[in-house]
Amino acid sequence: MNGAEPWFLPLTLCALLGCALMAGVFFAFSAFVLRGLAVLPPERGIAAMQSVNAAALTPLFLAAFVGTALLCALSGGASALLAAGQQRWLPVGGALLYLLGTFLVTAAGNVPLNNALASLDPARPESAAEWSRYRARWSAWNHVRTLTSLAATACFALALGPGA
């Protein structure tokens, strides 16, 4: 990193921290949250996930999720235009990983599934089959989000490392 790029360190570090935070959130769901809900009777699992999805729509979570997307776009865009070498391509890669593999996957994969789950009546017997399908599809998309946000974190970290 050269001194002519004072924007690089704080912007890249903030993008890294946002990606790491989101990777941790998604990892928790992949590692144990959905597994814990799956062992509940279906009506309780459905109701619990509906509650979690509603509770997630807070300003704090949305600021972290959307703010990370903005930071990634800024870091990747500025790096593509203004940086050289690893400082150029690692943040661009990190931005693409987060924006496509995390943000877009959430919008196109997880959110529609959450919306469909929100319309289920947990007490209806046929909801149990929908719950099973939801968990399988939602988990698959969540694994993608976990891996891409973690890979984005690695890209931003490598961009800040020695020799970058």
Protein backbone atom coordinates (compact mmCIF):
# COMPACT_ATOMS: atom_id res chain seq x y z
CA MET A 1 0.00 0.00 0.00
CA ASN A 2 1.40 3.39 -0.85
CA GLY A 3 0.74 6.67 0.88
CA ALA A 4 -1.07 8.09 -2.16
CA GLU A 5 -4.13 6.03 -1.29
CA PRO A 6 -5.28 7.18 2.18
CA TRP A 7 -8.80 5.91 1.50
CA PHE A 8 -7.66 2.32 0.99
CA LEU A 9 -6.98 1.17 4.56
CA PRO A 10 -10.15 2.44 6.31
CA LEU A 11 -12.48 1.52 3.47
CA THR A 12 -11.03 -1.95 2.98
CA LEU A 13 -10.92 -2.60 6.73
CA CYS A 14 -14.57 -1.59 7.14
CA ALA A 15 -15.59 -3.85 4.24
CA LEU A 16 -13.58 -6.69 5.80
CA LEU A 17 -15.25 -6.23 9.19
CA GLY A 18 -18.72 -6.08 7.65
CA CYS A 19 -18.13 -9.26 5.65
CA ALA A 20 -16.73 -11.02 8.71
CA LEU A 21 -19.74 -9.98 10.81
CA MET A 22 -22.18 -11.24 8.19
CA ALA A 23 -20.21 -14.48 7.73
CA GLY A 24 -20.62 -15.08 11.46
CA VAL A 25 -24.36 -14.48 11.35
CA PHE A 26 -24.83 -16.85 8.42
CA PHE A 27 -22.48 -19.44 9.92
CA ALA A 28 -24.58 -19.53 13.10
CA PHE A 29 -27.66 -20.41 11.05
CA SER A 30 -25.79 -23.05 9.06
CA ALA A 31 -24.07 -24.56 12.10
CA PHE A 32 -26.86 -24.75 14.67
CA VAL A 33 -29.86 -22.42 14.45
CA LEU A 34 -31.74 -24.28 11.71
CA ARG A 35 -30.70 -27.62 13.17
CA GLY A 36 -32.13 -26.56 16.51
CA LEU A 37 -35.40 -25.51 14.92
CA ALA A 38 -35.59 -28.74 12.90
CA VAL A 39 -35.83 -30.89 16.03
CA LEU A 40 -38.87 -28.99 17.27
CA PRO A 41 -42.35 -30.12 16.29
CA PRO A 42 -43.00 -28.54 12.86
CA GLU A 43 -45.56 -26.02 14.11
CA ARG A 44 -43.11 -24.73 16.72
CA GLY A 45 -40.19 -24.69 14.27
CA ILE A 46 -42.23 -22.75 11.72
CA ALA A 47 -43.45 -20.25 14.31
CA ALA A 48 -39.92 -19.79 15.68
CA MET A 49 -38.41 -19.16 12.23
CA GLN A 50 -41.24 -16.78 11.36
CA SER A 51 -40.42 -14.90 14.55
CA VAL A 52 -36.67 -14.87 13.80
CA ASN A 53 -37.30 -13.57 10.27
CA ALA A 54 -39.53 -10.78 11.57
CA ALA A 55 -37.04 -9.88 14.32
CA ALA A 56 -34.17 -9.71 11.81
CA LEU A 57 -35.71 -6.72 10.07
CA THR A 58 -34.25 -4.24 12.51
CA PRO A 59 -32.34 -1.09 11.61
CA LEU A 60 -29.19 -2.54 13.20
CA PHE A 61 -29.19 -5.75 11.15
CA LEU A 62 -30.21 -3.98 7.95
CA ALA A 63 -27.48 -1.38 8.48
CA ALA A 64 -24.91 -4.14 8.86
CA PHE A 65 -26.17 -6.17 5.89
CA VAL A 66 -26.85 -3.31 3.46
CA GLY A 67 -24.01 -1.18 4.83
CA THR A 68 -21.57 -4.00 4.12
CA ALA A 69 -22.86 -4.18 0.55
CA LEU A 70 -22.27 -0.44 0.16
CA LEU A 71 -18.80 -0.66 1.70
CA CYS A 72 -17.91 -3.56 -0.59
CA ALA A 73 -19.14 -1.68 -3.65
CA LEU A 74 -17.17 1.42 -2.64
CA SER A 75 -14.01 -0.51 -1.80
CA GLY A 76 -14.18 -2.67 -4.93
CA GLY A 77 -15.05 0.24 -7.19
CA ALA A 78 -12.41 2.58 -5.79
CA SER A 79 -9.81 -0.17 -5.93
CA ALA A 80 -10.66 -1.02 -9.54
CA LEU A 81 -10.29 2.61 -10.54
CA LEU A 82 -7.50 3.86 -8.30
CA ALA A 83 -5.37 1.03 -6.92
CA ALA A 84 -2.73 -1.23 -8.45
CA GLY A 85 -1.74 -4.89 -8.10
CA GLN A 86 -3.30 -6.86 -5.25
CA GLN A 87 -4.79 -3.65 -3.91
CA ARG A 88 -6.86 -3.53 -7.07
CA TRP A 89 -8.01 -7.09 -7.61
CA LEU A 90 -8.44 -8.50 -4.11
CA PRO A 91 -11.00 -5.85 -3.04
CA VAL A 92 -12.74 -6.21 -6.39
CA GLY A 93 -12.96 -9.97 -5.80
CA GLY A 94 -14.17 -9.45 -2.25
CA ALA A 95 -16.82 -7.00 -3.42
CA LEU A 96 -18.06 -9.35 -6.13
CA LEU A 97 -18.18 -12.28 -3.72
CA TYR A 98 -20.26 -10.35 -1.20
CA LEU A 99 -22.49 -8.53 -3.65
CA LEU A 100 -23.28 -11.56 -5.83
CA GLY A 101 -22.84 -14.49 -3.46
CA THR A 102 -24.25 -12.91 -0.33
CA PHE A 103 -26.41 -9.88 -1.07
CA LEU A 104 -27.94 -11.12 -4.34
CA VAL A 105 -28.38 -14.67 -3.03
CA THR A 106 -30.24 -13.25 -0.03
CA ALA A 107 -32.53 -11.16 -2.24
CA ALA A 108 -33.18 -13.87 -4.83
CA GLY A 109 -32.99 -16.99 -2.66
CA ASN A 110 -33.56 -16.53 1.06
CA VAL A 111 -35.99 -13.60 1.11
CA PRO A 112 -38.55 -15.23 -1.23
CA LEU A 113 -38.38 -18.37 0.90
CA ASN A 114 -38.88 -16.27 4.05
CA ASN A 115 -41.87 -14.54 2.46
CA ALA A 116 -43.42 -17.91 1.60
CA LEU A 117 -42.79 -19.17 5.13
CA ALA A 118 -44.42 -16.05 6.58
CA SER A 119 -47.67 -16.96 4.81
CA LEU A 120 -47.81 -20.46 6.33
CA ASP A 121 -50.18 -21.25 9.16
CA PRO A 122 -48.00 -23.33 11.52
CA ALA A 123 -51.07 -25.18 12.85
CA ARG A 124 -52.07 -26.62 9.46
CA PRO A 125 -50.84 -30.21 9.00
CA GLU A 126 -49.68 -29.58 5.40
CA SER A 127 -47.35 -26.84 6.66
CA ALA A 128 -44.98 -29.53 8.01
CA ALA A 129 -44.06 -30.61 4.47
CA GLU A 130 -43.53 -26.99 3.43
CA TRP A 131 -41.35 -26.47 6.50
CA SER A 132 -39.17 -29.42 5.52
CA ARG A 133 -38.75 -28.10 1.95
CA TYR A 134 -38.11 -24.58 3.27
CA ARG A 135 -35.33 -25.76 5.61
CA ALA A 136 -33.54 -27.69 2.85
CA ARG A 137 -33.68 -24.88 0.29
CA TRP A 138 -33.04 -22.06 2.77
CA SER A 139 -30.08 -23.91 4.28
CA ALA A 140 -28.52 -24.50 0.86
CA TRP A 141 -28.71 -20.80 0.01
CA ASN A 142 -27.46 -19.90 3.48
CA HIS A 143 -24.39 -22.13 3.03
CA VAL A 144 -23.63 -20.14 -0.14
CA ARG A 145 -23.96 -16.87 1.79
CA THR A 146 -21.72 -18.18 4.56
CA LEU A 147 -18.98 -19.28 2.19
CA THR A 148 -19.07 -16.21 -0.03
CA SER A 149 -19.07 -13.72 2.83
CA LEU A 150 -16.17 -15.63 4.40
CA ALA A 151 -14.29 -15.67 1.08
CA ALA A 152 -14.96 -11.94 0.70
CA THR A 153 -13.49 -11.41 4.18
CA ALA A 154 -10.37 -13.30 3.10
CA CYS A 155 -9.99 -11.18 -0.03
CA PHE A 156 -10.18 -7.95 1.95
CA ALA A 157 -7.78 -9.31 4.57
CA LEU A 158 -5.25 -10.37 1.94
CA ALA A 159 -5.52 -6.94 0.34
CA LEU A 160 -4.42 -5.40 3.64
CA GLY A 161 -1.63 -7.92 4.24
CA PRO A 162 2.12 -7.50 3.84
CA GLY A 163 3.21 -6.97 0.27
CA ALA A 164 -0.22 -5.87 -0.87
